[in-house]
N, C-alpha and C. Protein backbone atom coordinates (compact mmCIF):
# COMPACT_ATOMS: atom_id res chain seq x y z
N MET A 1 3.08 -169.81 113.95
CA MET A 1 3.35 -169.35 112.57
C MET A 1 3.77 -170.39 111.73
N PHE A 2 3.17 -170.35 110.44
CA PHE A 2 3.44 -171.27 109.53
C PHE A 2 4.51 -170.95 108.56
N VAL A 3 5.61 -171.66 108.38
CA VAL A 3 6.74 -171.26 107.46
C VAL A 3 7.15 -172.58 106.86
N GLY A 4 7.93 -172.31 105.72
CA GLY A 4 8.64 -173.44 104.95
C GLY A 4 7.80 -173.74 103.51
N GLU A 5 8.61 -174.43 102.80
CA GLU A 5 8.18 -174.98 101.51
C GLU A 5 8.39 -176.35 101.45
N TYR A 6 7.33 -177.03 100.98
CA TYR A 6 7.45 -178.65 100.96
C TYR A 6 6.88 -179.06 99.64
N LYS A 7 7.43 -179.98 98.87
CA LYS A 7 7.11 -180.51 97.63
C LYS A 7 6.42 -181.93 97.72
N HIS A 8 5.20 -181.93 97.31
CA HIS A 8 4.40 -183.16 97.25
C HIS A 8 3.79 -183.41 95.92
N THR A 9 2.92 -184.51 95.87
CA THR A 9 2.06 -184.75 94.82
C THR A 9 0.50 -184.98 95.37
N ILE A 10 -0.47 -184.70 94.52
CA ILE A 10 -1.81 -185.23 94.95
C ILE A 10 -2.00 -186.32 94.48
N ASP A 11 -2.78 -187.17 95.06
CA ASP A 11 -2.92 -188.57 94.72
C ASP A 11 -4.33 -188.72 94.06
N GLU A 12 -4.63 -189.75 93.44
CA GLU A 12 -5.82 -190.11 92.74
C GLU A 12 -7.07 -189.89 93.40
N LYS A 13 -6.98 -189.87 94.73
CA LYS A 13 -8.24 -189.37 95.43
C LYS A 13 -8.35 -187.91 96.01
N ASN A 14 -7.42 -187.19 95.28
CA ASN A 14 -7.46 -185.79 95.66
C ASN A 14 -6.94 -185.46 96.93
N ARG A 15 -6.17 -186.24 97.47
CA ARG A 15 -5.40 -186.03 98.79
C ARG A 15 -4.07 -185.39 98.72
N ILE A 16 -3.95 -184.43 99.50
CA ILE A 16 -2.61 -183.76 99.75
C ILE A 16 -1.84 -183.96 101.00
N PHE A 17 -0.68 -184.44 101.14
CA PHE A 17 -0.03 -184.41 102.30
C PHE A 17 0.38 -183.29 102.86
N ILE A 18 0.05 -183.02 104.06
CA ILE A 18 0.55 -181.75 105.10
C ILE A 18 1.51 -182.29 105.88
N PRO A 19 2.75 -181.49 105.71
CA PRO A 19 3.90 -181.90 106.50
C PRO A 19 3.52 -181.71 107.99
N SER A 20 4.17 -182.66 108.69
CA SER A 20 4.04 -182.69 110.23
C SER A 20 4.36 -181.42 110.95
N ARG A 21 5.37 -180.62 110.47
CA ARG A 21 5.62 -179.40 110.96
C ARG A 21 4.62 -178.32 110.93
N LEU A 22 3.71 -178.56 109.94
CA LEU A 22 2.44 -177.77 109.74
C LEU A 22 1.32 -178.12 110.31
N ARG A 23 1.35 -179.54 110.57
CA ARG A 23 -0.08 -180.15 111.09
C ARG A 23 -0.22 -179.70 112.60
N SER A 24 0.59 -179.62 113.36
CA SER A 24 0.30 -179.27 114.78
C SER A 24 -0.27 -177.99 114.97
N GLU A 25 0.09 -177.00 114.27
CA GLU A 25 -0.55 -175.80 114.51
C GLU A 25 -1.98 -175.54 113.64
N LEU A 26 -1.98 -176.52 112.73
CA LEU A 26 -3.26 -176.48 111.81
C LEU A 26 -4.52 -176.89 112.79
N GLY A 27 -4.19 -177.87 113.59
CA GLY A 27 -5.46 -178.29 114.38
C GLY A 27 -6.28 -179.41 113.70
N GLU A 28 -7.31 -179.93 114.36
CA GLU A 28 -7.94 -181.15 113.87
C GLU A 28 -8.99 -180.47 112.76
N ARG A 29 -9.62 -179.64 112.92
CA ARG A 29 -10.56 -178.95 111.79
C ARG A 29 -9.83 -177.60 111.36
N PHE A 30 -10.06 -177.48 110.18
CA PHE A 30 -9.47 -176.18 109.37
C PHE A 30 -10.35 -176.04 108.22
N MET A 31 -10.11 -174.80 107.57
CA MET A 31 -10.82 -174.40 106.27
C MET A 31 -9.91 -174.26 105.16
N VAL A 32 -10.29 -174.85 104.00
CA VAL A 32 -9.58 -174.83 102.60
C VAL A 32 -10.60 -173.83 101.87
N THR A 33 -9.99 -172.77 101.18
CA THR A 33 -10.77 -171.79 100.35
C THR A 33 -9.90 -171.40 99.29
N LYS A 34 -10.45 -170.60 98.36
CA LYS A 34 -9.73 -170.12 97.22
C LYS A 34 -8.80 -169.15 97.93
N GLY A 35 -7.59 -168.94 97.26
CA GLY A 35 -6.66 -167.78 97.74
C GLY A 35 -6.39 -166.87 96.48
N PHE A 36 -5.32 -166.14 96.65
CA PHE A 36 -4.96 -165.22 95.47
C PHE A 36 -3.98 -165.87 94.45
N ASP A 37 -3.79 -165.43 93.31
CA ASP A 37 -2.87 -166.03 92.32
C ASP A 37 -3.01 -167.56 92.12
N ARG A 38 -4.26 -167.97 92.25
CA ARG A 38 -4.60 -169.51 91.92
C ARG A 38 -4.08 -170.37 92.95
N CYS A 39 -3.90 -169.92 94.02
CA CYS A 39 -3.31 -170.90 95.16
C CYS A 39 -4.53 -171.21 96.13
N LEU A 40 -4.65 -172.15 97.02
CA LEU A 40 -5.56 -172.34 97.92
C LEU A 40 -5.08 -171.94 99.47
N PHE A 41 -6.03 -171.24 100.05
CA PHE A 41 -5.59 -170.97 101.48
C PHE A 41 -6.09 -172.10 102.56
N VAL A 42 -5.18 -172.41 103.37
CA VAL A 42 -5.59 -173.43 104.39
C VAL A 42 -5.50 -172.69 105.86
N PHE A 43 -6.74 -172.40 106.53
CA PHE A 43 -6.63 -171.62 107.64
C PHE A 43 -7.06 -172.55 108.89
N PRO A 44 -6.30 -172.37 110.09
CA PRO A 44 -6.71 -173.13 111.12
C PRO A 44 -8.09 -172.46 111.69
N MET A 45 -9.05 -173.20 112.36
CA MET A 45 -10.37 -172.69 112.36
C MET A 45 -10.37 -171.15 113.16
N ALA A 46 -9.54 -171.13 114.17
CA ALA A 46 -9.51 -169.88 114.76
C ALA A 46 -9.18 -168.69 113.80
N LYS A 47 -8.18 -168.94 113.01
CA LYS A 47 -7.70 -167.91 111.91
C LYS A 47 -8.80 -167.60 110.92
N TRP A 48 -9.43 -168.84 110.55
CA TRP A 48 -10.60 -168.57 109.57
C TRP A 48 -11.76 -167.87 110.09
N GLU A 49 -11.98 -168.10 111.48
CA GLU A 49 -13.18 -167.55 111.95
C GLU A 49 -12.85 -165.81 112.15
N ALA A 50 -11.58 -165.42 112.49
CA ALA A 50 -11.27 -164.09 112.38
C ALA A 50 -11.33 -163.42 110.93
N PHE A 51 -10.77 -164.18 110.18
CA PHE A 51 -10.76 -163.83 108.75
C PHE A 51 -12.16 -163.61 108.16
N ALA A 52 -13.18 -164.65 108.27
CA ALA A 52 -14.38 -164.62 107.94
C ALA A 52 -15.12 -163.58 108.58
N ALA A 53 -14.94 -163.29 109.87
CA ALA A 53 -15.70 -162.14 110.59
C ALA A 53 -15.27 -160.71 109.83
N LYS A 54 -14.06 -160.64 109.46
CA LYS A 54 -13.76 -159.28 108.76
C LYS A 54 -14.29 -159.24 107.38
N ILE A 55 -14.43 -160.40 106.73
CA ILE A 55 -15.10 -160.46 105.40
C ILE A 55 -16.62 -160.07 105.70
N ALA A 56 -17.18 -160.75 106.50
CA ALA A 56 -18.60 -160.66 106.81
C ALA A 56 -18.94 -159.14 107.28
N ALA A 57 -18.07 -158.58 107.84
CA ALA A 57 -18.24 -157.22 108.31
C ALA A 57 -18.33 -156.13 107.16
N LEU A 58 -17.79 -156.48 105.99
CA LEU A 58 -17.84 -155.59 104.77
C LEU A 58 -19.27 -155.26 104.40
N PRO A 59 -19.65 -154.16 103.77
CA PRO A 59 -20.86 -153.96 103.49
C PRO A 59 -21.39 -154.97 102.34
N MET A 60 -22.55 -155.52 102.53
CA MET A 60 -22.83 -156.60 101.45
C MET A 60 -23.08 -156.05 100.17
N VAL A 61 -23.62 -154.97 99.89
CA VAL A 61 -23.91 -154.51 98.68
C VAL A 61 -22.60 -154.26 97.87
N LYS A 62 -21.70 -153.58 98.58
CA LYS A 62 -20.41 -153.16 97.87
C LYS A 62 -19.43 -154.41 97.81
N ASN A 63 -19.37 -155.40 98.75
CA ASN A 63 -18.52 -156.42 98.69
C ASN A 63 -18.94 -157.70 98.61
N ARG A 64 -20.09 -158.02 97.72
CA ARG A 64 -20.77 -159.23 97.59
C ARG A 64 -19.73 -160.16 96.83
N ARG A 65 -18.88 -159.63 96.01
CA ARG A 65 -18.15 -160.54 95.11
C ARG A 65 -17.16 -161.14 96.03
N GLU A 66 -16.59 -160.37 96.94
CA GLU A 66 -15.38 -160.78 97.95
C GLU A 66 -16.03 -161.89 98.79
N ARG A 67 -17.16 -161.66 99.16
CA ARG A 67 -17.93 -162.59 100.13
C ARG A 67 -18.11 -164.01 99.33
N LEU A 68 -18.61 -163.91 98.11
CA LEU A 68 -18.64 -164.98 97.19
C LEU A 68 -17.32 -165.77 96.96
N TYR A 69 -16.32 -165.00 96.78
CA TYR A 69 -15.07 -165.59 96.44
C TYR A 69 -14.52 -166.55 97.36
N PHE A 70 -14.58 -166.14 98.68
CA PHE A 70 -13.96 -166.75 99.82
C PHE A 70 -14.98 -167.81 100.36
N PHE A 71 -16.26 -167.52 100.33
CA PHE A 71 -17.34 -168.29 101.17
C PHE A 71 -17.89 -169.46 100.25
N SER A 72 -18.10 -169.28 98.98
CA SER A 72 -18.79 -170.12 98.07
C SER A 72 -18.22 -171.56 97.96
N ASN A 73 -16.89 -171.58 97.90
CA ASN A 73 -16.21 -172.88 97.79
C ASN A 73 -15.42 -173.42 99.02
N ALA A 74 -15.49 -172.39 100.10
CA ALA A 74 -14.88 -173.08 101.28
C ALA A 74 -15.30 -174.35 101.85
N ALA A 75 -14.40 -175.00 102.35
CA ALA A 75 -14.80 -176.41 102.86
C ALA A 75 -14.10 -176.67 104.20
N GLU A 76 -14.82 -177.05 105.39
CA GLU A 76 -14.26 -177.49 106.32
C GLU A 76 -13.58 -178.85 106.36
N CYS A 77 -12.38 -179.14 106.68
CA CYS A 77 -11.62 -180.26 106.34
C CYS A 77 -10.93 -180.92 107.78
N THR A 78 -10.60 -182.12 107.66
CA THR A 78 -9.83 -182.66 108.64
C THR A 78 -8.74 -183.36 107.92
N LEU A 79 -7.61 -183.73 108.68
CA LEU A 79 -6.54 -184.61 108.10
C LEU A 79 -7.00 -186.20 108.32
N ASP A 80 -6.57 -186.88 107.39
CA ASP A 80 -6.85 -188.42 107.54
C ASP A 80 -5.48 -188.96 108.58
N SER A 81 -5.62 -190.09 108.85
CA SER A 81 -4.60 -190.73 109.60
C SER A 81 -3.07 -190.68 109.05
N GLN A 82 -3.06 -190.34 107.73
CA GLN A 82 -1.59 -190.17 107.28
C GLN A 82 -1.25 -188.76 107.08
N GLY A 83 -1.96 -187.89 107.67
CA GLY A 83 -1.72 -186.49 107.41
C GLY A 83 -2.02 -185.79 105.96
N ARG A 84 -3.12 -186.30 105.42
CA ARG A 84 -3.64 -185.86 104.02
C ARG A 84 -4.84 -185.18 104.27
N VAL A 85 -5.09 -184.12 103.44
CA VAL A 85 -6.26 -183.39 103.25
C VAL A 85 -6.80 -183.74 101.97
N THR A 86 -8.15 -183.95 101.91
CA THR A 86 -8.76 -184.02 100.64
C THR A 86 -9.31 -182.80 100.04
N VAL A 87 -8.98 -182.55 98.85
CA VAL A 87 -9.24 -181.15 98.18
C VAL A 87 -10.46 -181.45 97.23
N SER A 88 -11.44 -180.46 97.37
CA SER A 88 -12.71 -180.49 96.42
C SER A 88 -12.05 -180.60 95.05
N PRO A 89 -12.87 -181.32 94.12
CA PRO A 89 -12.48 -180.94 92.64
C PRO A 89 -12.65 -179.73 92.21
N LEU A 90 -13.61 -178.82 92.67
CA LEU A 90 -13.59 -177.45 92.26
C LEU A 90 -12.43 -176.62 92.77
N LEU A 91 -11.90 -176.83 93.95
CA LEU A 91 -10.78 -176.15 94.50
C LEU A 91 -9.56 -176.67 93.73
N LYS A 92 -9.42 -177.85 93.40
CA LYS A 92 -8.28 -178.43 92.62
C LYS A 92 -8.30 -177.89 91.41
N GLU A 93 -9.48 -177.67 90.64
CA GLU A 93 -9.48 -177.13 89.34
C GLU A 93 -9.09 -175.65 89.48
N PHE A 94 -9.67 -174.88 90.45
CA PHE A 94 -9.32 -173.49 90.68
C PHE A 94 -7.88 -173.25 90.67
N ALA A 95 -7.15 -174.08 91.44
CA ALA A 95 -5.69 -173.74 91.64
C ALA A 95 -4.68 -174.58 90.57
N GLY A 96 -5.32 -175.25 89.61
CA GLY A 96 -4.67 -175.68 88.58
C GLY A 96 -3.89 -176.97 89.07
N ILE A 97 -4.11 -177.57 90.01
CA ILE A 97 -3.46 -178.71 90.62
C ILE A 97 -3.82 -179.94 89.71
N VAL A 98 -2.75 -180.57 89.20
CA VAL A 98 -2.82 -181.72 88.44
C VAL A 98 -2.05 -182.97 89.14
N LYS A 99 -0.74 -182.58 89.35
CA LYS A 99 0.10 -183.76 90.05
C LYS A 99 0.89 -183.01 91.12
N ASP A 100 1.79 -182.23 90.81
CA ASP A 100 2.81 -181.62 91.74
C ASP A 100 2.16 -180.52 92.51
N VAL A 101 2.47 -180.66 93.75
CA VAL A 101 1.76 -179.66 94.62
C VAL A 101 2.95 -179.01 95.65
N THR A 102 2.93 -177.63 95.66
CA THR A 102 3.95 -177.07 96.89
C THR A 102 3.14 -176.53 97.89
N VAL A 103 3.32 -177.01 99.15
CA VAL A 103 2.78 -176.77 100.26
C VAL A 103 3.74 -175.55 100.93
N VAL A 104 3.01 -174.36 101.22
CA VAL A 104 3.84 -173.34 101.58
C VAL A 104 3.26 -172.65 102.93
N GLY A 105 4.15 -172.55 103.96
CA GLY A 105 3.68 -171.79 105.26
C GLY A 105 3.80 -170.36 104.94
N ASN A 106 2.75 -169.56 105.10
CA ASN A 106 2.72 -168.17 105.02
C ASN A 106 1.98 -167.39 106.17
N ASP A 107 2.85 -167.49 107.35
CA ASP A 107 2.55 -166.85 108.60
C ASP A 107 1.26 -167.36 109.14
N ASP A 108 0.23 -166.87 108.89
CA ASP A 108 -1.13 -167.33 109.69
C ASP A 108 -1.82 -168.36 108.95
N ARG A 109 -1.30 -168.83 107.81
CA ARG A 109 -2.06 -169.88 107.00
C ARG A 109 -1.12 -170.66 106.17
N ILE A 110 -1.58 -171.72 105.68
CA ILE A 110 -0.92 -172.57 104.72
C ILE A 110 -1.44 -172.30 103.42
N GLU A 111 -0.60 -172.48 102.28
CA GLU A 111 -0.96 -172.17 100.96
C GLU A 111 -0.67 -173.37 99.97
N LEU A 112 -1.66 -173.93 99.27
CA LEU A 112 -1.45 -175.01 98.36
C LEU A 112 -1.37 -174.58 96.91
N TRP A 113 -0.28 -174.76 96.27
CA TRP A 113 0.03 -174.33 94.89
C TRP A 113 0.38 -175.41 93.97
N ALA A 114 -0.34 -175.29 92.73
CA ALA A 114 0.12 -176.23 91.68
C ALA A 114 1.61 -176.05 91.51
N GLY A 115 2.46 -177.19 91.47
CA GLY A 115 3.89 -176.95 91.36
C GLY A 115 4.30 -175.96 90.11
N GLU A 116 3.72 -176.06 88.95
CA GLU A 116 4.13 -175.20 88.05
C GLU A 116 3.90 -173.66 88.28
N ILE A 117 2.70 -173.55 88.81
CA ILE A 117 2.22 -172.13 89.14
C ILE A 117 3.08 -171.59 90.16
N TRP A 118 3.50 -172.30 91.12
CA TRP A 118 4.33 -171.87 92.27
C TRP A 118 5.86 -171.68 91.65
N ASN A 119 6.37 -172.40 90.74
CA ASN A 119 7.65 -172.05 90.08
C ASN A 119 7.47 -170.82 89.24
N GLU A 120 6.41 -170.55 88.57
CA GLU A 120 6.31 -169.25 87.70
C GLU A 120 6.27 -168.02 88.81
N GLU A 121 5.64 -168.25 89.88
CA GLU A 121 5.48 -167.11 90.91
C GLU A 121 6.80 -166.82 91.52
N GLN A 122 7.60 -167.84 91.73
CA GLN A 122 8.98 -167.82 92.17
C GLN A 122 9.99 -166.93 91.37
N ASP A 123 9.67 -167.47 90.02
CA ASP A 123 10.40 -166.57 88.97
C ASP A 123 10.27 -165.17 88.97
N LYS A 124 9.01 -164.84 89.17
CA LYS A 124 8.45 -163.27 89.18
C LYS A 124 9.26 -162.51 90.34
N LEU A 125 9.62 -163.20 91.50
CA LEU A 125 10.13 -162.44 92.70
C LEU A 125 11.40 -161.71 92.27
N ASP A 126 11.35 -160.51 92.62
CA ASP A 126 12.58 -159.61 92.45
C ASP A 126 12.99 -159.05 93.78
N PRO A 127 14.03 -159.53 94.38
CA PRO A 127 14.31 -158.98 95.56
C PRO A 127 14.56 -157.55 95.66
N ALA A 128 14.98 -156.69 94.60
CA ALA A 128 14.98 -155.30 94.78
C ALA A 128 13.69 -154.76 94.93
N SER A 129 12.68 -155.25 94.18
CA SER A 129 11.29 -154.79 94.47
C SER A 129 10.67 -155.04 95.62
N ILE A 130 11.00 -156.15 96.27
CA ILE A 130 10.52 -156.54 97.43
C ILE A 130 11.26 -155.62 98.50
N ALA A 131 12.46 -155.39 98.50
CA ALA A 131 13.26 -154.50 99.38
C ALA A 131 12.57 -153.01 99.34
N GLU A 132 12.11 -152.61 98.13
CA GLU A 132 11.61 -151.20 97.86
C GLU A 132 10.14 -151.18 98.62
N SER A 133 9.45 -152.20 98.38
CA SER A 133 8.14 -152.18 99.05
C SER A 133 8.21 -152.20 100.62
N LEU A 134 9.17 -153.04 101.07
CA LEU A 134 9.35 -152.96 102.54
C LEU A 134 9.93 -151.71 103.19
N ILE A 135 10.67 -150.91 102.35
CA ILE A 135 11.05 -149.72 102.75
C ILE A 135 9.95 -148.72 102.64
N GLU A 136 9.03 -148.92 101.74
CA GLU A 136 7.94 -147.90 101.72
C GLU A 136 6.91 -148.29 102.87
N ALA A 137 6.74 -149.41 103.26
CA ALA A 137 6.14 -149.89 104.35
C ALA A 137 6.66 -149.51 105.83
N GLY A 138 7.83 -149.03 105.80
CA GLY A 138 8.55 -148.69 106.96
C GLY A 138 9.38 -149.73 107.61
N LEU A 139 9.69 -150.73 106.86
CA LEU A 139 10.60 -151.82 107.62
C LEU A 139 12.07 -151.60 107.13
């Protein structure tokens, strides 16, 4: 399970450091793709394959946009010797990453957020609304 929040920066070669606590579970090969709310999803290969199979099982005519959203810019990646992943210019632009990056563990995946966007999202969190949602979900 991926957990935690880590502040880093992207370098001039579009490389983002992945903390060692997250790297061991990530594995040698992994996938990076568009996420929600302008973040990037980073899936270990086994989790990506399970996720991709669910997307692929959706009816093509009805869910072609969903397929394009996740598959069109997905990239198989590896970490360099210093624990960094190179993010494609398209994904970097999609996520609005300029300098500051927040690396977030989110259960089955890692999320990469532009620092400013992450801060905006955190400001929107309302503990009362979250509690209400959890109650509605039966927790």
